[in-house]
């Protein structure tokens, strides 16, 4: 897991360096009075590498998914919430027919 954090930090640093390089490049273009058509290819490659590193870290750092056991006592609702102001029982669903034996075509 420490490797994932390290790769994530490296990815963020690469992205920050790419942003700084783009800002420097634009200021250089302003001095030379040239038109900005896009960042240099090295900055684009840095952005792609930083994106890959950050995505890899984001997918590996959280860990394993645990299954939810339906028979667990922690998943049961013991009582209704004390604030019942937002419970809605009158809604547009009553406009639909309640005929359960409808056949699909």
PDB file of N, CA and C in Angstrom:
ATOM      1  N   UNK A   1       0.825  -1.188   0.000  1.00  0.00           N
ATOM      2  CA  UNK A   1       0.000   0.000   0.000  1.00  0.00           C
ATOM      3  C   UNK A   1       0.871   1.254   0.000  1.00  0.00           C
ATOM      4  N   UNK A   2       2.066   1.174   0.589  1.00  0.00           N
ATOM      5  CA  UNK A   2       2.964   2.327   0.587  1.00  0.00           C
ATOM      6  C   UNK A   2       3.435   2.636  -0.825  1.00  0.00           C
ATOM      7  N   UNK A   3       3.554   1.599  -1.654  1.00  0.00           N
ATOM      8  CA  UNK A   3       3.935   1.812  -3.043  1.00  0.00           C
ATOM      9  C   UNK A   3       2.862   2.610  -3.783  1.00  0.00           C
ATOM     10  N   UNK A   4       1.596   2.322  -3.493  1.00  0.00           N
ATOM     11  CA  UNK A   4       0.501   3.068  -4.121  1.00  0.00           C
ATOM     12  C   UNK A   4       0.530   4.540  -3.753  1.00  0.00           C
ATOM     13  N   UNK A   5       0.782   4.823  -2.481  1.00  0.00           N
ATOM     14  CA  UNK A   5       0.875   6.221  -2.048  1.00  0.00           C
ATOM     15  C   UNK A   5       2.051   6.925  -2.719  1.00  0.00           C
ATOM     16  N   UNK A   6       3.183   6.228  -2.806  1.00  0.00           N
ATOM     17  CA  UNK A   6       4.362   6.828  -3.428  1.00  0.00           C
ATOM     18  C   UNK A   6       4.116   7.114  -4.905  1.00  0.00           C
ATOM     19  N   UNK A   7       3.472   6.180  -5.596  1.00  0.00           N
ATOM     20  CA  UNK A   7       3.173   6.391  -7.011  1.00  0.00           C
ATOM     21  C   UNK A   7       2.185   7.549  -7.169  1.00  0.00           C
ATOM     22  N   UNK A   8       1.225   7.671  -6.250  1.00  0.00           N
ATOM     23  CA  UNK A   8       0.284   8.781  -6.297  1.00  0.00           C
ATOM     24  C   UNK A   8       0.949  10.118  -6.086  1.00  0.00           C
ATOM     25  N   UNK A   9       1.880  10.171  -5.152  1.00  0.00           N
ATOM     26  CA  UNK A   9       2.608  11.420  -4.900  1.00  0.00           C
ATOM     27  C   UNK A   9       3.463  11.784  -6.107  1.00  0.00           C
ATOM     28  N   UNK A  10       4.113  10.780  -6.703  1.00  0.00           N
ATOM     29  CA  UNK A  10       4.918  11.045  -7.897  1.00  0.00           C
ATOM     30  C   UNK A  10       4.024  11.533  -9.035  1.00  0.00           C
ATOM     31  N   UNK A  11       2.850  10.950  -9.180  1.00  0.00           N
ATOM     32  CA  UNK A  11       1.921  11.392 -10.222  1.00  0.00           C
ATOM     33  C   UNK A  11       1.472  12.826 -10.030  1.00  0.00           C
ATOM     34  N   UNK A  12       1.178  13.194  -8.797  1.00  0.00           N
ATOM     35  CA  UNK A  12       0.758  14.574  -8.515  1.00  0.00           C
ATOM     36  C   UNK A  12       1.914  15.539  -8.762  1.00  0.00           C
ATOM     37  N   UNK A  13       3.123  15.143  -8.389  1.00  0.00           N
ATOM     38  CA  UNK A  13       4.279  16.006  -8.644  1.00  0.00           C
ATOM     39  C   UNK A  13       4.530  16.174 -10.141  1.00  0.00           C
ATOM     40  N   UNK A  14       4.350  15.106 -10.911  1.00  0.00           N
ATOM     41  CA  UNK A  14       4.516  15.211 -12.363  1.00  0.00           C
ATOM     42  C   UNK A  14       3.456  16.145 -12.951  1.00  0.00           C
ATOM     43  N   UNK A  15       2.219  16.034 -12.483  1.00  0.00           N
ATOM     44  CA  UNK A  15       1.161  16.927 -12.969  1.00  0.00           C
ATOM     45  C   UNK A  15       1.446  18.378 -12.605  1.00  0.00           C
ATOM     46  N   UNK A  16       1.968  18.604 -11.395  1.00  0.00           N
ATOM     47  CA  UNK A  16       2.314  19.975 -10.994  1.00  0.00           C
ATOM     48  C   UNK A  16       3.459  20.516 -11.837  1.00  0.00           C
ATOM     49  N   UNK A  17       4.424  19.681 -12.147  1.00  0.00           N
ATOM     50  CA  UNK A  17       5.535  20.123 -12.986  1.00  0.00           C
ATOM     51  C   UNK A  17       5.051  20.436 -14.405  1.00  0.00           C
ATOM     52  N   UNK A  18       4.132  19.643 -14.912  1.00  0.00           N
ATOM     53  CA  UNK A  18       3.587  19.913 -16.249  1.00  0.00           C
ATOM     54  C   UNK A  18       2.832  21.241 -16.264  1.00  0.00           C
ATOM     55  N   UNK A  19       2.082  21.523 -15.200  1.00  0.00           N
ATOM     56  CA  UNK A  19       1.374  22.802 -15.126  1.00  0.00           C
ATOM     57  C   UNK A  19       2.361  23.967 -15.063  1.00  0.00           C
ATOM     58  N   UNK A  20       3.399  23.827 -14.259  1.00  0.00           N
ATOM     59  CA  UNK A  20       4.409  24.876 -14.159  1.00  0.00           C
ATOM     60  C   UNK A  20       5.123  25.073 -15.497  1.00  0.00           C
ATOM     61  N   UNK A  21       5.413  23.990 -16.188  1.00  0.00           N
ATOM     62  CA  UNK A  21       6.080  24.094 -17.489  1.00  0.00           C
ATOM     63  C   UNK A  21       5.196  24.796 -18.510  1.00  0.00           C
ATOM     64  N   UNK A  22       3.896  24.518 -18.471  1.00  0.00           N
ATOM     65  CA  UNK A  22       2.974  25.183 -19.390  1.00  0.00           C
ATOM     66  C   UNK A  22       2.897  26.677 -19.103  1.00  0.00           C
ATOM     67  N   UNK A  23       2.863  27.053 -17.827  1.00  0.00           N
ATOM     68  CA  UNK A  23       2.831  28.473 -17.462  1.00  0.00           C
ATOM     69  C   UNK A  23       4.111  29.165 -17.921  1.00  0.00           C
ATOM     70  N   UNK A  24       5.250  28.507 -17.736  1.00  0.00           N
ATOM     71  CA  UNK A  24       6.522  29.079 -18.202  1.00  0.00           C
ATOM     72  C   UNK A  24       6.534  29.237 -19.719  1.00  0.00           C
ATOM     73  N   UNK A  25       6.039  28.231 -20.424  1.00  0.00           N
ATOM     74  CA  UNK A  25       6.016  28.268 -21.888  1.00  0.00           C
ATOM     75  C   UNK A  25       5.134  29.414 -22.388  1.00  0.00           C
ATOM     76  N   UNK A  26       3.984  29.608 -21.746  1.00  0.00           N
ATOM     77  CA  UNK A  26       3.091  30.701 -22.165  1.00  0.00           C
ATOM     78  C   UNK A  26       3.703  32.062 -21.892  1.00  0.00           C
ATOM     79  N   UNK A  27       4.393  32.192 -20.769  1.00  0.00           N
ATOM     80  CA  UNK A  27       5.038  33.484 -20.493  1.00  0.00           C
ATOM     81  C   UNK A  27       6.179  33.739 -21.481  1.00  0.00           C
ATOM     82  N   UNK A  28       6.881  32.686 -21.901  1.00  0.00           N
ATOM     83  CA  UNK A  28       7.917  32.837 -22.917  1.00  0.00           C
ATOM     84  C   UNK A  28       7.307  33.267 -24.251  1.00  0.00           C
ATOM     85  N   UNK A  29       6.142  32.713 -24.586  1.00  0.00           N
ATOM     86  CA  UNK A  29       5.475  33.098 -25.829  1.00  0.00           C
ATOM     87  C   UNK A  29       4.990  34.546 -25.785  1.00  0.00           C
ATOM     88  N   UNK A  30       4.586  35.007 -24.602  1.00  0.00           N
ATOM     89  CA  UNK A  30       4.172  36.409 -24.483  1.00  0.00           C
ATOM     90  C   UNK A  30       5.345  37.356 -24.682  1.00  0.00           C
ATOM     91  N   UNK A  31       6.504  36.949 -24.187  1.00  0.00           N
ATOM     92  CA  UNK A  31       7.689  37.784 -24.356  1.00  0.00           C
ATOM     93  C   UNK A  31       8.089  37.861 -25.820  1.00  0.00           C
ATOM     94  N   UNK A  32       8.045  36.733 -26.499  1.00  0.00           N
ATOM     95  CA  UNK A  32       8.437  36.708 -27.916  1.00  0.00           C
ATOM     96  C   UNK A  32       7.293  37.095 -28.839  1.00  0.00           C
ATOM     97  N   UNK A  33       6.122  37.374 -28.278  1.00  0.00           N
ATOM     98  CA  UNK A  33       4.925  37.794 -29.013  1.00  0.00           C
ATOM     99  C   UNK A  33       4.505  36.784 -30.079  1.00  0.00           C
ATOM    100  N   UNK A  34       4.533  35.517 -29.719  1.00  0.00           N
ATOM    101  CA  UNK A  34       4.061  34.451 -30.598  1.00  0.00           C
ATOM    102  C   UNK A  34       2.688  33.978 -30.128  1.00  0.00           C
ATOM    103  N   UNK A  35       1.984  33.296 -30.994  1.00  0.00           N
ATOM    104  CA  UNK A  35       0.638  32.791 -30.696  1.00  0.00           C
ATOM    105  C   UNK A  35       0.741  31.428 -29.998  1.00  0.00           C
ATOM    106  N   UNK A  36      -0.081  31.226 -28.983  1.00  0.00           N
ATOM    107  CA  UNK A  36      -0.111  29.943 -28.269  1.00  0.00           C
ATOM    108  C   UNK A  36      -1.016  28.987 -29.038  1.00  0.00           C
ATOM    109  N   UNK A  37      -0.443  27.910 -29.555  1.00  0.00           N
ATOM    110  CA  UNK A  37      -1.234  26.927 -30.290  1.00  0.00           C
ATOM    111  C   UNK A  37      -1.445  25.663 -29.485  1.00  0.00           C
ATOM    112  N   UNK A  38      -0.687  25.470 -28.458  1.00  0.00           N
ATOM    113  CA  UNK A  38      -0.818  24.293 -27.610  1.00  0.00           C
ATOM    114  C   UNK A  38       0.474  24.067 -26.849  1.00  0.00           C
ATOM    115  N   UNK A  39       0.410  23.214 -25.839  1.00  0.00           N
ATOM    116  CA  UNK A  39       1.631  22.955 -25.061  1.00  0.00           C
ATOM    117  C   UNK A  39       2.598  22.090 -25.862  1.00  0.00           C
ATOM    118  N   UNK A  40       3.869  22.132 -25.505  1.00  0.00           N
ATOM    119  CA  UNK A  40       4.854  21.285 -26.192  1.00  0.00           C
ATOM    120  C   UNK A  40       4.558  19.801 -25.959  1.00  0.00           C
ATOM    121  N   UNK A  41       5.114  18.948 -26.810  1.00  0.00           N
ATOM    122  CA  UNK A  41       4.850  17.516 -26.724  1.00  0.00           C
ATOM    123  C   UNK A  41       5.403  16.923 -25.430  1.00  0.00           C
ATOM    124  N   UNK A  42       6.473  17.508 -24.886  1.00  0.00           N
ATOM    125  CA  UNK A  42       7.018  17.002 -23.622  1.00  0.00           C
ATOM    126  C   UNK A  42       6.036  17.216 -22.471  1.00  0.00           C
ATOM    127  N   UNK A  43       5.339  18.341 -22.504  1.00  0.00           N
ATOM    128  CA  UNK A  43       4.344  18.614 -21.459  1.00  0.00           C
ATOM    129  C   UNK A  43       3.158  17.666 -21.615  1.00  0.00           C
ATOM    130  N   UNK A  44       2.760  17.389 -22.828  1.00  0.00           N
ATOM    131  CA  UNK A  44       1.653  16.451 -23.060  1.00  0.00           C
ATOM    132  C   UNK A  44       2.035  15.056 -22.577  1.00  0.00           C
ATOM    133  N   UNK A  45       3.272  14.648 -22.820  1.00  0.00           N
ATOM    134  CA  UNK A  45       3.726  13.334 -22.334  1.00  0.00           C
ATOM    135  C   UNK A  45       3.784  13.310 -20.805  1.00  0.00           C
ATOM    136  N   UNK A  46       4.196  14.423 -20.187  1.00  0.00           N
ATOM    137  CA  UNK A  46       4.187  14.510 -18.722  1.00  0.00           C
ATOM    138  C   UNK A  46       2.765  14.394 -18.178  1.00  0.00           C
ATOM    139  N   UNK A  47       1.835  15.070 -18.827  1.00  0.00           N
ATOM    140  CA  UNK A  47       0.443  14.994 -18.386  1.00  0.00           C
ATOM    141  C   UNK A  47      -0.080  13.573 -18.477  1.00  0.00           C
ATOM    142  N   UNK A  48       0.234  12.891 -19.564  1.00  0.00           N
ATOM    143  CA  UNK A  48      -0.228  11.516 -19.734  1.00  0.00           C
ATOM    144  C   UNK A  48       0.396  10.598 -18.683  1.00  0.00           C
ATOM    145  N   UNK A  49       1.693  10.750 -18.426  1.00  0.00           N
ATOM    146  CA  UNK A  49       2.357   9.924 -17.414  1.00  0.00           C
ATOM    147  C   UNK A  49       1.790  10.205 -16.019  1.00  0.00           C
ATOM    148  N   UNK A  50       1.576  11.479 -15.692  1.00  0.00           N
ATOM    149  CA  UNK A  50       0.993  11.822 -14.396  1.00  0.00           C
ATOM    150  C   UNK A  50      -0.410  11.285 -14.244  1.00  0.00           C
ATOM    151  N   UNK A  51      -1.181  11.313 -15.327  1.00  0.00           N
ATOM    152  CA  UNK A  51      -2.537  10.765 -15.294  1.00  0.00           C
ATOM    153  C   UNK A  51      -2.512   9.265 -15.038  1.00  0.00           C
ATOM    154  N   UNK A  52      -1.626   8.562 -15.725  1.00  0.00           N
ATOM    155  CA  UNK A  52      -1.520   7.113 -15.539  1.00  0.00           C
ATOM    156  C   UNK A  52      -1.106   6.783 -14.104  1.00  0.00           C
ATOM    157  N   UNK A  53      -0.108   7.496 -13.570  1.00  0.00           N
ATOM    158  CA  UNK A  53       0.331   7.242 -12.199  1.00  0.00           C
ATOM    159  C   UNK A  53      -0.779   7.522 -11.189  1.00  0.00           C
ATOM    160  N   UNK A  54      -1.494   8.624 -11.366  1.00  0.00           N
ATOM    161  CA  UNK A  54      -2.570   8.966 -10.430  1.00  0.00           C
ATOM    162  C   UNK A  54      -3.725   7.970 -10.518  1.00  0.00           C
ATOM    163  N   UNK A  55      -4.056   7.537 -11.719  1.00  0.00           N
ATOM    164  CA  UNK A  55      -5.118   6.540 -11.862  1.00  0.00           C
ATOM    165  C   UNK A  55      -4.719   5.213 -11.232  1.00  0.00           C
ATOM    166  N   UNK A  56      -3.473   4.797 -11.434  1.00  0.00           N
ATOM    167  CA  UNK A  56      -3.014   3.543 -10.855  1.00  0.00           C
ATOM    168  C   UNK A  56      -3.057   3.616  -9.325  1.00  0.00           C
ATOM    169  N   UNK A  57      -2.625   4.747  -8.779  1.00  0.00           N
ATOM    170  CA  UNK A  57      -2.638   4.910  -7.320  1.00  0.00           C
ATOM    171  C   UNK A  57      -4.075   4.951  -6.789  1.00  0.00           C
ATOM    172  N   UNK A  58      -4.964   5.608  -7.514  1.00  0.00           N
ATOM    173  CA  UNK A  58      -6.351   5.704  -7.043  1.00  0.00           C
ATOM    174  C   UNK A  58      -7.041   4.347  -7.065  1.00  0.00           C
ATOM    175  N   UNK A  59      -6.637   3.479  -7.970  1.00  0.00           N
ATOM    176  CA  UNK A  59      -7.268   2.160  -8.047  1.00  0.00           C
ATOM    177  C   UNK A  59      -6.647   1.146  -7.094  1.00  0.00           C
ATOM    178  N   UNK A  60      -5.413   1.352  -6.675  1.00  0.00           N
ATOM    179  CA  UNK A  60      -4.764   0.372  -5.809  1.00  0.00           C
ATOM    180  C   UNK A  60      -4.743   0.758  -4.339  1.00  0.00           C
ATOM    181  N   UNK A  61      -4.796   2.013  -4.008  1.00  0.00           N
ATOM    182  CA  UNK A  61      -4.679   2.439  -2.609  1.00  0.00           C
ATOM    183  C   UNK A  61      -5.894   2.067  -1.758  1.00  0.00           C
ATOM    184  N   UNK A  62      -7.145   2.198  -2.248  1.00  0.00           N
ATOM    185  CA  UNK A  62      -8.271   1.953  -1.346  1.00  0.00           C
ATOM    186  C   UNK A  62      -8.308   0.557  -0.740  1.00  0.00           C
ATOM    187  N   UNK A  63      -7.771  -0.460  -1.361  1.00  0.00           N
ATOM    188  CA  UNK A  63      -7.744  -1.793  -0.788  1.00  0.00           C
ATOM    189  C   UNK A  63      -8.821  -2.676  -1.369  1.00  0.00           C
ATOM    190  N   UNK A  64      -9.096  -3.777  -0.656  1.00  0.00           N
ATOM    191  CA  UNK A  64     -10.058  -4.761  -1.140  1.00  0.00           C
ATOM    192  C   UNK A  64     -11.476  -4.338  -0.781  1.00  0.00           C
ATOM    193  N   UNK A  65     -12.419  -4.718  -1.653  1.00  0.00           N
ATOM    194  CA  UNK A  65     -13.824  -4.513  -1.358  1.00  0.00           C
ATOM    195  C   UNK A  65     -14.309  -5.645  -0.466  1.00  0.00           C
ATOM    196  N   UNK A  66     -15.106  -5.313   0.509  1.00  0.00           N
ATOM    197  CA  UNK A  66     -15.676  -6.319   1.396  1.00  0.00           C
ATOM    198  C   UNK A  66     -17.131  -6.535   1.029  1.00  0.00           C
ATOM    199  N   UNK A  67     -17.577  -7.776   1.119  1.00  0.00           N
ATOM    200  CA  UNK A  67     -18.964  -8.065   0.784  1.00  0.00           C
ATOM    201  C   UNK A  67     -19.880  -7.673   1.937  1.00  0.00           C
ATOM    202  N   UNK A  68     -21.101  -7.333   1.601  1.00  0.00           N
ATOM    203  CA  UNK A  68     -22.100  -6.973   2.601  1.00  0.00           C
ATOM    204  C   UNK A  68     -22.920  -8.212   2.892  1.00  0.00           C
ATOM    205  N   UNK A  69     -22.935  -8.624   4.129  1.00  0.00           N
ATOM    206  CA  UNK A  69     -23.685  -9.817   4.503  1.00  0.00           C
ATOM    207  C   UNK A  69     -25.120  -9.434   4.833  1.00  0.00           C
ATOM    208  N   UNK A  70     -26.102  -9.980   4.118  1.00  0.00           N
ATOM    209  CA  UNK A  70     -27.490  -9.586   4.360  1.00  0.00           C
ATOM    210  C   UNK A  70     -28.027 -10.058   5.704  1.00  0.00           C
ATOM    211  N   UNK A  71     -27.460 -11.114   6.270  1.00  0.00           N
ATOM    212  CA  UNK A  71     -27.973 -11.625   7.537  1.00  0.00           C
ATOM    213  C   UNK A  71     -27.314 -10.961   8.748  1.00  0.00           C
ATOM    214  N   UNK A  72     -26.452  -9.980   8.511  1.00  0.00           N
ATOM    215  CA  UNK A  72     -25.755  -9.315   9.604  1.00  0.00           C
ATOM    216  C   UNK A  72     -26.710  -8.413  10.379  1.00  0.00           C
ATOM    217  N   UNK A  73     -26.535  -8.355  11.687  1.00  0.00           N
ATOM    218  CA  UNK A  73     -27.380  -7.501  12.526  1.00  0.00           C
ATOM    219  C   UNK A  73     -27.073  -6.022  12.332  1.00  0.00           C
ATOM    220  N   UNK A  74     -25.900  -5.687  11.842  1.00  0.00           N
ATOM    221  CA  UNK A  74     -25.537  -4.292  11.621  1.00  0.00           C
ATOM    222  C   UNK A  74     -26.296  -3.687  10.448  1.00  0.00           C
ATOM    223  N   UNK A  75     -26.820  -4.503   9.554  1.00  0.00           N
ATOM    224  CA  UNK A  75     -27.508  -4.003   8.374  1.00  0.00           C
ATOM    225  C   UNK A  75     -29.008  -3.819   8.595  1.00  0.00           C
ATOM    226  N   UNK A  76     -29.524  -4.166   9.731  1.00  0.00           N
ATOM    227  CA  UNK A  76     -30.962  -4.097   9.983  1.00  0.00           C
ATOM    228  C   UNK A  76     -31.358  -2.721  10.509  1.00  0.00           C
ATOM    229  N   UNK A  77     -32.537  -2.256  10.100  1.00  0.00           N
ATOM    230  CA  UNK A  77     -33.077  -1.000  10.594  1.00  0.00           C
ATOM    231  C   UNK A  77     -33.867  -1.312  11.861  1.00  0.00           C
ATOM    232  N   UNK A  78     -33.444  -0.748  12.973  1.00  0.00           N
ATOM    233  CA  UNK A  78     -34.082  -1.049  14.248  1.00  0.00           C
ATOM    234  C   UNK A  78     -35.293  -0.156  14.463  1.00  0.00           C
ATOM    235  N   UNK A  79     -35.184   1.123  14.128  1.00  0.00           N
ATOM    236  CA  UNK A  79     -36.291   2.040  14.336  1.00  0.00           C
ATOM    237  C   UNK A  79     -36.303   3.077  13.227  1.00  0.00           C
ATOM    238  N   UNK A  80     -37.429   3.747  13.072  1.00  0.00           N
ATOM    239  CA  UNK A  80     -37.539   4.815  12.088  1.00  0.00           C
ATOM    240  C   UNK A  80     -36.816   6.049  12.607  1.00  0.00           C
ATOM    241  N   UNK A  81     -36.355   6.894  11.700  1.00  0.00           N
ATOM    242  CA  UNK A  81     -35.690   8.116  12.166  1.00  0.00           C
ATOM    243  C   UNK A  81     -36.677   9.030  12.896  1.00  0.00           C
ATOM    244  N   UNK A  82     -36.134   9.845  13.771  1.00  0.00           N
ATOM    245  CA  UNK A  82     -36.997  10.719  14.562  1.00  0.00           C
ATOM    246  C   UNK A  82     -37.566  11.866  13.732  1.00  0.00           C
ATOM    247  N   UNK A  83     -36.922  12.248  12.650  1.00  0.00           N
ATOM    248  CA  UNK A  83     -37.388  13.335  11.805  1.00  0.00           C
ATOM    249  C   UNK A  83     -38.172  12.753  10.636  1.00  0.00           C
ATOM    250  N   UNK A  84     -39.470  12.752  10.709  1.00  0.00           N
ATOM    251  CA  UNK A  84     -40.317  12.164   9.672  1.00  0.00           C
ATOM    252  C   UNK A  84     -40.847  13.217   8.694  1.00  0.00           C
ATOM    253  N   UNK A  85     -40.283  14.427   8.718  1.00  0.00           N
ATOM    254  CA  UNK A  85     -40.781  15.498   7.858  1.00  0.00           C
ATOM    255  C   UNK A  85     -40.546  15.230   6.382  1.00  0.00           C
ATOM    256  N   UNK A  86     -39.532  14.468   6.040  1.00  0.00           N
ATOM    257  CA  UNK A  86     -39.189  14.271   4.643  1.00  0.00           C
ATOM    258  C   UNK A  86     -39.676  12.940   4.078  1.00  0.00           C
ATOM    259  N   UNK A  87     -40.480  12.213   4.786  1.00  0.00           N
ATOM    260  CA  UNK A  87     -41.038  10.965   4.275  1.00  0.00           C
ATOM    261  C   UNK A  87     -42.261  11.299   3.429  1.00  0.00           C
ATOM    262  N   UNK A  88     -42.263  10.859   2.175  1.00  0.00           N
ATOM    263  CA  UNK A  88     -43.327  11.187   1.230  1.00  0.00           C
ATOM    264  C   UNK A  88     -44.100   9.921   0.903  1.00  0.00           C
ATOM    265  N   UNK A  89     -45.426   9.967   1.146  1.00  0.00           N
ATOM    266  CA  UNK A  89     -46.261   8.821   0.832  1.00  0.00           C
ATOM    267  C   UNK A  89     -47.221   9.117  -0.306  1.00  0.00           C
ATOM    268  N   UNK A  90     -47.395  10.377  -0.670  1.00  0.00           N
ATOM    269  CA  UNK A  90     -48.288  10.775  -1.741  1.00  0.00           C
ATOM    270  C   UNK A  90     -47.410  11.244  -2.904  1.00  0.00           C
ATOM    271  N   UNK A  91     -47.317  10.428  -3.962  1.00  0.00           N
ATOM    272  CA  UNK A  91     -46.429  10.759  -5.065  1.00  0.00           C
ATOM    273  C   UNK A  91     -47.079  10.352  -6.380  1.00  0.00           C
ATOM    274  N   UNK A  92     -46.375  10.564  -7.490  1.00  0.00           N
ATOM    275  CA  UNK A  92     -46.926  10.307  -8.819  1.00  0.00           C
ATOM    276  C   UNK A  92     -47.061   8.835  -9.147  1.00  0.00           C
ATOM    277  N   UNK A  93     -46.525   7.971  -8.355  1.00  0.00           N
ATOM    278  CA  UNK A  93     -46.601   6.548  -8.617  1.00  0.00           C
ATOM    279  C   UNK A  93     -48.015   6.011  -8.560  1.00  0.00           C
ATOM    280  N   UNK A  94     -48.911   6.703  -7.859  1.00  0.00           N
ATOM    281  CA  UNK A  94     -50.287   6.218  -7.766  1.00  0.00           C
ATOM    282  C   UNK A  94     -51.042   6.405  -9.081  1.00  0.00           C
ATOM    283  N   UNK A  95     -50.492   7.181 -10.028  1.00  0.00           N
ATOM    284  CA  UNK A  95     -51.148   7.381 -11.314  1.00  0.00           C
ATOM    285  C   UNK A  95     -51.049   6.139 -12.191  1.00  0.00           C
ATOM    286  N   UNK A  96     -50.080   5.274 -11.935  1.00  0.00           N
ATOM    287  CA  UNK A  96     -49.937   4.046 -12.708  1.00  0.00           C
ATOM    288  C   UNK A  96     -50.936   3.005 -12.223  1.00  0.00           C
ATOM    289  N   UNK A  97     -51.383   2.171 -13.135  1.00  0.00           N
ATOM    290  CA  UNK A  97     -52.347   1.144 -12.757  1.00  0.00           C
ATOM    291  C   UNK A  97     -51.666   0.072 -11.914  1.00  0.00           C
ATOM    292  N   UNK A  98     -52.430  -0.558 -11.076  1.00  0.00           N
ATOM    293  CA  UNK A  98     -51.909  -1.579 -10.195  1.00  0.00           C
ATOM    294  C   UNK A  98     -52.159  -2.977 -10.743  1.00  0.00           C
ATOM    295  N   UNK A  99     -52.495  -3.084 -12.021  1.00  0.00           N
ATOM    296  CA  UNK A  99     -52.747  -4.379 -12.619  1.00  0.00           C
ATOM    297  C   UNK A  99     -51.433  -5.140 -12.757  1.00  0.00           C
ATOM    298  N   UNK A 100     -51.273  -6.156 -11.932  1.00  0.00           N
ATOM    299  CA  UNK A 100     -50.025  -6.895 -11.890  1.00  0.00           C
ATOM    300  C   UNK A 100     -49.952  -7.915 -13.022  1.00  0.00           C
ATOM    301  N   UNK A 101     -51.091  -8.340 -13.541  1.00  0.00           N
ATOM    302  CA  UNK A 101     -51.123  -9.392 -14.539  1.00  0.00           C
ATOM    303  C   UNK A 101     -50.980  -8.864 -15.964  1.00  0.00           C
ATOM    304  N   UNK A 102     -50.388  -7.688 -16.148  1.00  0.00           N
ATOM    305  CA  UNK A 102     -50.189  -7.161 -17.492  1.00  0.00           C
ATOM    306  C   UNK A 102     -49.141  -7.990 -18.214  1.00  0.00           C
ATOM    307  N   UNK A 103     -49.372  -8.248 -19.495  1.00  0.00           N
ATOM    308  CA  UNK A 103     -48.439  -9.059 -20.268  1.00  0.00           C
ATOM    309  C   UNK A 103     -47.529  -8.147 -21.080  1.00  0.00           C
ATOM    310  N   UNK A 104     -46.273  -8.523 -21.155  1.00  0.00           N
ATOM    311  CA  UNK A 104     -45.316  -7.787 -21.966  1.00  0.00           C
ATOM    312  C   UNK A 104     -45.397  -8.263 -23.403  1.00  0.00           C
ATOM    313  N   UNK A 105     -45.278  -7.340 -24.337  1.00  0.00           N
ATOM    314  CA  UNK A 105     -45.350  -7.713 -25.752  1.00  0.00           C
ATOM    315  C   UNK A 105     -43.996  -7.987 -26.305  1.00  0.00           C
TER     316      UNK A 105
END
